[in-house]
Amino acid sequence: MSSVIVPAQERRLMSADPLDSGGVLRIDTSLGLDAFPGSRTLADARLLLAALAEQPAKATAEMKNLNRKFVARMVAEMTWPPGYTEIFLDRRVLDEMDVSRLYVLRNLMEVAGLVNRRKGAFHATRLGKRLLSPACAGELFGLLLRSYLGRLNWAFVGFGPEDRDMQAHCVHALWSVRHIASEGATTDEIAPRIVSDPTIWGRLARFPGGPDALPRAVQRRLLEPLWDFGLLAREPEDPEQGEGPPRWRVTPLFDSAVAFDLALAPTADPVSPDDAVVALKITLSGTTPPVWRRLEVPASLTLEQLHAVLNTAMGWLDYHLHAYEIEGRRYADGADSWDDLDDTLPEADIVLGDLFRAGVRRFTYDYDFGHGWQHEVAVESLGQPVSGAL
């Protein structure tokens, strides 16, 4: 699977619906149970379905969760990675919400239509009972994965506020993980490549520990669930072992079960790099409520020309210095004085469309260094201009 894609394929990934079985995300539902030896999510879902198919589990009166007796049974029988079961050994009484992996799994199975709650108890649905068959393991796995990506709110999984941008582009995130972690990568290496809302995480970054908020959210909401699905391996597997952050590596199951259909339909009017427009989202950092703009500009603009567009769109008067920060490099107006910044490069040499084709999807635009107005610029797509639009 090539990691090099053209802009039109990038747009397909960004807009892909994880629930569309005929869309970009393809999951091999023909695989049998023996194809999933490392999928804890699949094993535990089958365990829960089998228990509920045998006998419904009474829900608690107040929280409407699984009862303590059933929770204790599941904790004893679920598949746990090294180092996890010890946290339950000294607890005589466990509520469902004390066991987050079970709590999330049960809610995932509800939104997937595998489990429902009626007459004060949890039941396996007709669909859930059918998918218990070992021959249906691939279908069950696919339903669980699609439901996790497209139906379960990731903020429910834990850590941090809801980020709709992150989940809306979950298929793109899955594709990115597939390629970044093909040879192994840390959470800090993966997180910047995941589309997210810069306003949310920029606001959190101002607090102690805030700069780690986005990587922690990506690990909790994306990487660890993919580990449980068996699509990623964690090195070391036990979180209490080893020094430094864990590394994540794609497993053979990822390649055998998951694929991405990025084939493009033939068109009589292909996008010309000279005619294309780039869609941008510009967010002013550190403001409440958020201040942002969405623009479509010619891909042929240089950063020097883009400065005039951004200044106008954000309501500035171009009285102050400005600069761009792109993948660790600084670009600015060559006419300005940068005596203390000898490594600053001329912005007039950089074309916006070239940045997109080079894989740049996010950069910063700083204006008025005295007040420190920083703008996060998300490069969302490159496409055909609309005829007659200004």
Protein backbone atom coordinates (compact mmCIF):
# COMPACT_ATOMS: atom_id res chain seq x y z
CA MET A 1 0.00 0.00 0.00
CA SER A 2 1.64 3.23 -1.15
CA SER A 3 1.91 6.16 1.25
CA VAL A 4 2.07 8.60 -1.68
CA ILE A 5 -1.33 9.92 -2.70
CA VAL A 6 -2.55 12.71 -4.95
CA PRO A 7 -4.70 15.57 -3.64
CA ALA A 8 -7.94 14.05 -4.90
CA GLN A 9 -7.22 10.88 -2.92
CA GLU A 10 -6.46 13.00 0.13
CA ARG A 11 -9.89 14.59 -0.21
CA ARG A 12 -11.50 11.15 -0.42
CA LEU A 13 -9.82 10.16 2.83
CA MET A 14 -10.77 13.39 4.57
CA SER A 15 -14.45 13.07 3.67
CA ALA A 16 -14.78 9.28 3.99
CA ASP A 17 -17.68 7.85 5.99
CA PRO A 18 -16.47 4.98 8.21
CA LEU A 19 -19.97 3.46 8.17
CA ASP A 20 -20.06 3.15 4.37
CA SER A 21 -19.02 -0.41 3.55
CA GLY A 22 -18.81 0.52 -0.14
CA GLY A 23 -16.70 3.62 0.48
CA VAL A 24 -13.04 4.30 1.14
CA LEU A 25 -12.68 2.10 4.24
CA ARG A 26 -12.84 -1.58 3.30
CA ILE A 27 -12.89 -4.34 5.92
CA ASP A 28 -12.65 -8.01 4.95
CA THR A 29 -15.73 -9.51 6.59
CA SER A 30 -15.06 -12.96 5.12
CA LEU A 31 -12.30 -13.73 7.63
CA GLY A 32 -12.94 -16.51 10.12
CA LEU A 33 -12.31 -16.47 13.85
CA ASP A 34 -8.79 -17.88 13.52
CA ALA A 35 -7.74 -14.72 11.64
CA PHE A 36 -8.10 -12.61 14.80
CA PRO A 37 -5.85 -14.17 17.46
CA GLY A 38 -4.72 -10.79 18.82
CA SER A 39 -8.02 -8.92 18.86
CA ARG A 40 -9.07 -8.44 22.47
CA THR A 41 -12.05 -6.35 21.39
CA LEU A 42 -13.42 -9.16 19.25
CA ALA A 43 -12.77 -11.81 21.91
CA ASP A 44 -14.41 -9.77 24.66
CA ALA A 45 -17.37 -8.82 22.47
CA ARG A 46 -18.00 -12.50 21.76
CA LEU A 47 -17.65 -13.25 25.49
CA LEU A 48 -20.20 -10.58 26.39
CA LEU A 49 -22.60 -11.65 23.64
CA ALA A 50 -22.41 -15.30 24.69
CA ALA A 51 -23.11 -14.43 28.32
CA LEU A 52 -26.10 -12.24 27.43
CA ALA A 53 -27.42 -14.77 24.93
CA GLU A 54 -27.34 -17.37 27.70
CA GLN A 55 -29.04 -15.12 30.23
CA PRO A 56 -29.83 -11.37 30.20
CA ALA A 57 -27.95 -9.30 32.78
CA LYS A 58 -29.96 -7.12 35.12
CA ALA A 59 -29.17 -3.40 34.85
CA THR A 60 -28.48 -1.32 37.93
CA ALA A 61 -31.41 0.79 39.08
CA GLU A 62 -29.70 4.18 39.17
CA MET A 63 -27.04 4.23 36.45
CA LYS A 64 -28.58 1.58 34.17
CA ASN A 65 -25.20 -0.14 33.92
CA LEU A 66 -24.21 -3.80 34.14
CA ASN A 67 -24.67 -5.14 37.67
CA ARG A 68 -21.73 -5.88 39.96
CA LYS A 69 -22.04 -9.66 39.81
CA PHE A 70 -21.94 -9.62 36.03
CA VAL A 71 -19.04 -7.14 36.06
CA ALA A 72 -17.03 -9.44 38.36
CA ARG A 73 -17.66 -12.34 35.98
CA MET A 74 -16.53 -10.31 32.95
CA VAL A 75 -13.38 -9.05 34.69
CA ALA A 76 -12.43 -12.66 35.47
CA GLU A 77 -13.04 -13.87 31.91
CA MET A 78 -12.06 -10.94 29.67
CA THR A 79 -8.78 -10.87 27.75
CA TRP A 80 -6.41 -8.42 29.42
CA PRO A 81 -3.00 -7.16 28.28
CA PRO A 82 -0.10 -7.56 30.74
CA GLY A 83 -0.23 -5.29 33.76
CA TYR A 84 -3.93 -4.48 33.61
CA THR A 85 -5.71 -7.03 35.79
CA GLU A 86 -3.63 -6.10 38.85
CA ILE A 87 -5.56 -2.87 39.28
CA PHE A 88 -8.68 -4.88 40.13
CA LEU A 89 -7.17 -7.40 42.56
CA ASP A 90 -7.65 -5.30 45.69
CA ARG A 91 -11.21 -4.31 44.87
CA ARG A 92 -13.94 -6.44 46.41
CA VAL A 93 -16.69 -4.49 44.69
CA LEU A 94 -16.49 -3.27 41.12
CA ASP A 95 -19.06 -1.15 39.35
CA GLU A 96 -19.12 -1.20 35.57
CA MET A 97 -17.69 2.33 35.39
CA ASP A 98 -14.70 1.18 37.46
CA VAL A 99 -13.74 -1.08 34.55
CA SER A 100 -13.46 1.38 31.68
CA ARG A 101 -12.63 -1.26 29.07
CA LEU A 102 -15.85 -3.13 29.86
CA TYR A 103 -17.88 0.08 30.11
CA VAL A 104 -16.71 1.32 26.70
CA LEU A 105 -17.16 -2.12 25.12
CA ARG A 106 -20.74 -2.47 26.35
CA ASN A 107 -21.64 1.00 25.07
CA LEU A 108 -19.92 0.27 21.76
CA MET A 109 -21.96 -2.90 21.37
CA GLU A 110 -25.14 -0.97 22.10
CA VAL A 111 -24.50 1.63 19.39
CA ALA A 112 -23.56 -1.22 17.04
CA GLY A 113 -26.96 -2.86 17.60
CA LEU A 114 -25.49 -6.00 19.17
CA VAL A 115 -26.82 -5.40 22.69
CA ASN A 116 -29.89 -3.56 23.95
CA ARG A 117 -31.45 -2.73 27.29
CA ARG A 118 -35.13 -3.49 27.82
CA LYS A 119 -37.29 -4.33 30.80
CA GLY A 120 -34.45 -3.49 33.17
CA ALA A 121 -31.91 -5.90 31.70
CA PHE A 122 -29.27 -6.15 28.98
CA HIS A 123 -29.96 -8.60 26.14
CA ALA A 124 -28.07 -9.84 23.10
CA THR A 125 -30.02 -8.72 20.04
CA ARG A 126 -30.96 -10.99 17.17
CA LEU A 127 -28.04 -9.53 15.20
CA GLY A 128 -25.68 -10.11 18.12
CA LYS A 129 -26.71 -13.75 18.44
CA ARG A 130 -26.23 -14.33 14.71
CA LEU A 131 -22.75 -12.80 14.70
CA LEU A 132 -21.66 -15.08 17.56
CA SER A 133 -20.98 -17.79 14.99
CA PRO A 134 -17.22 -18.26 14.44
CA ALA A 135 -17.90 -18.05 10.71
CA CYS A 136 -19.20 -14.50 11.24
CA ALA A 137 -16.11 -13.26 13.11
CA GLY A 138 -15.05 -11.02 10.24
CA GLU A 139 -18.50 -9.47 10.03
CA LEU A 140 -18.58 -8.88 13.78
CA PHE A 141 -15.09 -7.36 13.74
CA GLY A 142 -16.03 -5.05 10.87
CA LEU A 143 -19.21 -3.89 12.59
CA LEU A 144 -17.35 -3.18 15.83
CA LEU A 145 -14.57 -1.25 14.10
CA ARG A 146 -16.94 0.82 11.95
CA SER A 147 -19.13 1.54 14.97
CA TYR A 148 -16.15 2.64 17.03
CA LEU A 149 -15.02 5.01 14.30
CA GLY A 150 -18.41 6.33 13.27
CA ARG A 151 -20.97 5.87 16.05
CA LEU A 152 -19.27 6.04 19.44
CA ASN A 153 -18.30 9.53 20.56
CA TRP A 154 -14.55 9.34 21.19
CA ALA A 155 -14.77 11.81 24.07
CA PHE A 156 -16.68 9.04 25.84
CA VAL A 157 -13.53 6.90 25.76
CA GLY A 158 -11.75 9.38 27.97
CA PHE A 159 -9.27 12.21 28.31
CA GLY A 160 -10.07 15.68 27.18
CA PRO A 161 -12.96 17.47 25.52
CA GLU A 162 -14.87 16.40 22.45
CA ASP A 163 -13.02 17.03 19.18
CA ARG A 164 -15.39 16.74 16.25
CA ASP A 165 -12.66 17.44 13.69
CA MET A 166 -10.63 14.47 14.92
CA GLN A 167 -13.51 12.03 14.70
CA ALA A 168 -14.93 13.47 11.46
CA HIS A 169 -11.65 12.61 9.75
CA CYS A 170 -11.23 9.21 11.44
CA VAL A 171 -10.67 7.29 8.19
CA HIS A 172 -7.86 9.68 7.30
CA ALA A 173 -6.49 9.12 10.83
CA LEU A 174 -6.63 5.35 10.37
CA TRP A 175 -4.82 5.61 7.02
CA SER A 176 -2.19 7.91 8.58
CA VAL A 177 -1.54 5.49 11.44
CA ARG A 178 -1.20 2.65 8.94
CA HIS A 179 1.69 4.40 7.21
CA ILE A 180 3.37 6.22 10.09
CA ALA A 181 3.48 3.09 12.25
CA SER A 182 4.45 0.65 9.49
CA GLU A 183 7.97 0.49 10.93
CA GLY A 184 7.05 1.64 14.42
CA ALA A 185 6.34 5.14 15.77
CA THR A 186 5.72 6.80 19.13
CA THR A 187 2.54 8.60 20.12
CA ASP A 188 4.36 11.94 19.83
CA GLU A 189 5.35 11.11 16.26
CA ILE A 190 1.82 10.09 15.29
CA ALA A 191 -0.26 12.78 17.03
CA PRO A 192 0.76 15.77 14.85
CA ARG A 193 -0.37 13.88 11.74
CA ILE A 194 -3.90 13.35 13.07
CA VAL A 195 -6.41 16.02 12.04
CA SER A 196 -7.70 17.80 15.15
CA ASP A 197 -9.24 21.08 16.26
CA PRO A 198 -6.35 23.48 17.00
CA THR A 199 -8.54 25.76 19.10
CA ILE A 200 -9.35 23.03 21.62
CA TRP A 201 -5.84 21.74 22.09
CA GLY A 202 -4.24 25.17 21.79
CA ARG A 203 -6.37 26.36 24.70
CA LEU A 204 -5.35 23.35 26.81
CA ALA A 205 -1.69 23.87 25.94
CA ARG A 206 -1.61 27.00 28.10
CA PHE A 207 -2.09 24.97 31.28
CA PRO A 208 0.46 22.77 33.12
CA GLY A 209 0.83 19.54 31.20
CA GLY A 210 -1.26 21.00 28.40
CA PRO A 211 1.26 20.48 25.58
CA ASP A 212 0.85 16.73 26.16
CA ALA A 213 -2.95 16.90 25.93
CA LEU A 214 -3.27 16.17 22.22
CA PRO A 215 -0.83 13.20 22.19
CA ARG A 216 -2.58 11.76 25.26
CA ALA A 217 -5.97 12.11 23.59
CA VAL A 218 -4.72 10.50 20.37
CA GLN A 219 -3.27 7.60 22.35
CA ARG A 220 -6.39 7.11 24.46
CA ARG A 221 -8.96 7.53 21.69
CA LEU A 222 -7.20 6.06 18.67
CA LEU A 223 -3.99 4.14 19.31
CA GLU A 224 -5.03 2.11 22.37
CA PRO A 225 -8.38 1.11 20.80
CA LEU A 226 -6.55 0.00 17.64
CA TRP A 227 -4.24 -1.99 19.91
CA ASP A 228 -7.28 -3.67 21.47
CA PHE A 229 -8.69 -4.41 18.02
CA GLY A 230 -5.40 -6.14 17.21
CA LEU A 231 -4.46 -3.69 14.46
CA LEU A 232 -1.47 -2.26 16.34
CA ALA A 233 1.18 -3.81 18.55
CA ARG A 234 2.53 -1.91 21.54
CA GLU A 235 6.20 -2.04 22.47
CA PRO A 236 6.52 -2.70 25.37
CA GLU A 237 3.13 -4.34 25.78
CA ASP A 238 3.11 -3.84 29.55
CA PRO A 239 2.79 -0.07 30.27
CA GLU A 240 4.75 -0.51 33.51
CA GLN A 241 7.81 -1.82 31.67
CA GLY A 242 10.37 -0.03 29.57
CA GLU A 243 11.55 3.56 29.57
CA GLY A 244 10.09 6.38 27.54
CA PRO A 245 6.87 6.44 25.52
CA PRO A 246 5.53 3.27 23.91
CA ARG A 247 6.05 2.57 20.23
CA TRP A 248 3.20 1.41 18.04
CA ARG A 249 3.61 -0.92 15.09
CA VAL A 250 1.12 -2.10 12.49
CA THR A 251 0.25 -5.81 12.84
CA PRO A 252 -0.31 -8.32 10.02
CA LEU A 253 -4.03 -8.19 10.87
CA PHE A 254 -4.16 -4.56 9.75
CA ASP A 255 -2.94 -5.54 6.29
CA SER A 256 -5.17 -8.58 5.99
CA ALA A 257 -8.40 -7.07 7.36
CA VAL A 258 -8.31 -3.37 6.48
CA ALA A 259 -7.82 -1.62 3.14
CA PHE A 260 -8.51 1.79 1.63
CA ASP A 261 -10.17 2.24 -1.75
CA LEU A 262 -8.63 5.41 -3.13
CA ALA A 263 -9.35 4.73 -6.78
CA LEU A 264 -10.43 7.87 -8.61
CA ALA A 265 -13.21 8.01 -11.16
CA PRO A 266 -12.00 9.17 -14.59
CA THR A 267 -12.82 12.78 -15.30
CA ALA A 268 -12.90 14.79 -18.48
CA ASP A 269 -11.93 17.93 -16.57
CA PRO A 270 -9.05 17.10 -14.23
CA VAL A 271 -7.81 19.60 -11.69
CA SER A 272 -4.93 21.60 -13.10
CA PRO A 273 -2.32 22.70 -10.58
CA ASP A 274 -2.44 26.14 -12.18
CA ASP A 275 -6.23 26.43 -11.82
CA ALA A 276 -6.78 24.62 -8.52
CA VAL A 277 -8.03 26.17 -5.30
CA VAL A 278 -6.89 25.26 -1.80
CA ALA A 279 -9.40 25.12 1.06
CA LEU A 280 -8.05 26.61 4.29
CA LYS A 281 -9.34 26.87 7.85
CA ILE A 282 -7.71 29.68 9.84
CA THR A 283 -8.15 29.68 13.62
CA LEU A 284 -6.94 32.47 15.89
CA SER A 285 -5.26 30.81 18.87
CA GLY A 286 -6.18 31.55 22.47
CA THR A 287 -9.57 33.17 21.94
CA THR A 288 -12.92 32.47 23.58
CA PRO A 289 -15.25 32.06 21.81
CA PRO A 290 -13.20 30.67 18.89
CA VAL A 291 -12.45 33.06 16.02
CA TRP A 292 -11.94 31.31 12.70
CA ARG A 293 -12.41 31.65 8.94
CA ARG A 294 -12.76 29.17 6.10
CA LEU A 295 -11.37 30.31 2.75
CA GLU A 296 -10.77 28.96 -0.73
CA VAL A 297 -7.81 30.59 -2.42
CA PRO A 298 -5.87 29.93 -5.64
CA ALA A 299 -3.24 27.24 -5.22
CA SER A 300 -0.89 29.46 -7.20
CA LEU A 301 -0.67 32.03 -4.37
CA THR A 302 2.72 32.52 -2.76
CA LEU A 303 2.94 32.89 0.99
CA GLU A 304 3.61 36.56 0.38
CA GLN A 305 0.29 36.89 -1.46
CA LEU A 306 -1.49 34.71 1.10
CA HIS A 307 -0.42 37.17 3.81
CA ALA A 308 -2.60 39.86 2.24
CA VAL A 309 -5.56 37.45 2.11
CA LEU A 310 -5.17 36.34 5.73
CA ASN A 311 -4.73 39.91 6.94
CA THR A 312 -7.95 40.98 5.26
CA ALA A 313 -9.94 37.90 6.28
CA MET A 314 -8.98 38.25 9.96
CA GLY A 315 -9.60 42.01 10.04
CA TRP A 316 -5.99 43.14 10.52
CA LEU A 317 -4.65 46.34 8.91
CA ASP A 318 -1.16 45.13 7.92
CA TYR A 319 0.61 47.57 10.25
CA HIS A 320 2.83 44.94 11.85
CA LEU A 321 5.39 42.28 11.03
CA HIS A 322 4.34 38.75 10.24
CA ALA A 323 5.91 35.34 9.67
CA TYR A 324 4.98 31.75 8.86
CA GLU A 325 6.20 28.67 10.72
CA ILE A 326 6.05 25.59 8.47
CA GLU A 327 7.48 22.24 9.59
CA GLY A 328 10.13 23.90 11.74
CA ARG A 329 11.13 26.56 9.21
CA ARG A 330 10.33 30.26 9.33
CA TYR A 331 9.25 32.27 6.28
CA ALA A 332 8.71 36.03 6.13
CA ASP A 333 8.79 39.12 3.95
CA GLY A 334 12.30 39.60 2.62
CA ALA A 335 11.90 43.37 2.96
CA ASP A 336 11.47 43.13 6.73
CA SER A 337 14.43 43.22 9.08
CA TRP A 338 15.27 39.87 10.66
CA ASP A 339 18.72 40.55 12.11
CA ASP A 340 18.27 37.97 14.85
CA LEU A 341 16.68 35.37 12.60
CA ASP A 342 19.29 34.58 9.96
CA ASP A 343 17.57 31.31 9.09
CA THR A 344 14.34 33.04 7.99
CA LEU A 345 13.50 32.22 4.37
CA PRO A 346 11.69 34.46 1.85
CA GLU A 347 7.95 33.82 1.75
CA ALA A 348 7.73 34.92 -1.88
CA ASP A 349 9.48 31.70 -2.94
CA ILE A 350 6.85 29.34 -1.50
CA VAL A 351 3.68 28.48 -3.43
CA LEU A 352 0.64 27.29 -1.48
CA GLY A 353 -0.23 24.46 -3.87
CA ASP A 354 3.31 23.12 -3.62
CA LEU A 355 2.94 22.92 0.16
CA PHE A 356 -0.20 20.82 -0.21
CA ARG A 357 1.42 18.48 -2.72
CA ALA A 358 4.39 18.11 -0.37
CA GLY A 359 2.08 16.84 2.35
CA VAL A 360 1.90 19.98 4.51
CA ARG A 361 -1.51 20.08 6.16
CA ARG A 362 -0.97 22.56 8.97
CA PHE A 363 1.18 25.61 9.66
CA THR A 364 1.12 28.81 11.72
CA TYR A 365 0.82 32.45 10.67
CA ASP A 366 2.08 34.96 13.27
CA TYR A 367 1.04 38.60 13.12
CA ASP A 368 1.99 41.54 15.34
CA PHE A 369 4.75 40.06 17.48
CA GLY A 370 4.09 42.57 20.27
CA HIS A 371 0.60 41.21 20.86
CA GLY A 372 1.44 37.72 19.61
CA TRP A 373 -1.52 36.93 17.38
CA GLN A 374 -0.94 33.36 16.26
CA HIS A 375 -3.15 31.71 13.67
CA GLU A 376 -3.35 27.97 13.03
CA VAL A 377 -3.83 27.38 9.30
CA ALA A 378 -5.25 23.97 8.34
CA VAL A 379 -4.78 23.05 4.68
CA GLU A 380 -7.89 20.94 4.12
CA SER A 381 -8.05 20.11 0.42
CA LEU A 382 -7.09 21.00 -3.12
CA GLY A 383 -9.79 20.96 -5.77
CA GLN A 384 -11.40 22.33 -8.89
CA PRO A 385 -12.56 25.97 -8.68
CA VAL A 386 -16.30 26.61 -9.00
CA SER A 387 -17.09 28.36 -12.25
CA GLY A 388 -18.14 31.98 -11.71
CA ALA A 389 -17.11 32.10 -8.04
CA LEU A 390 -14.91 34.93 -6.81
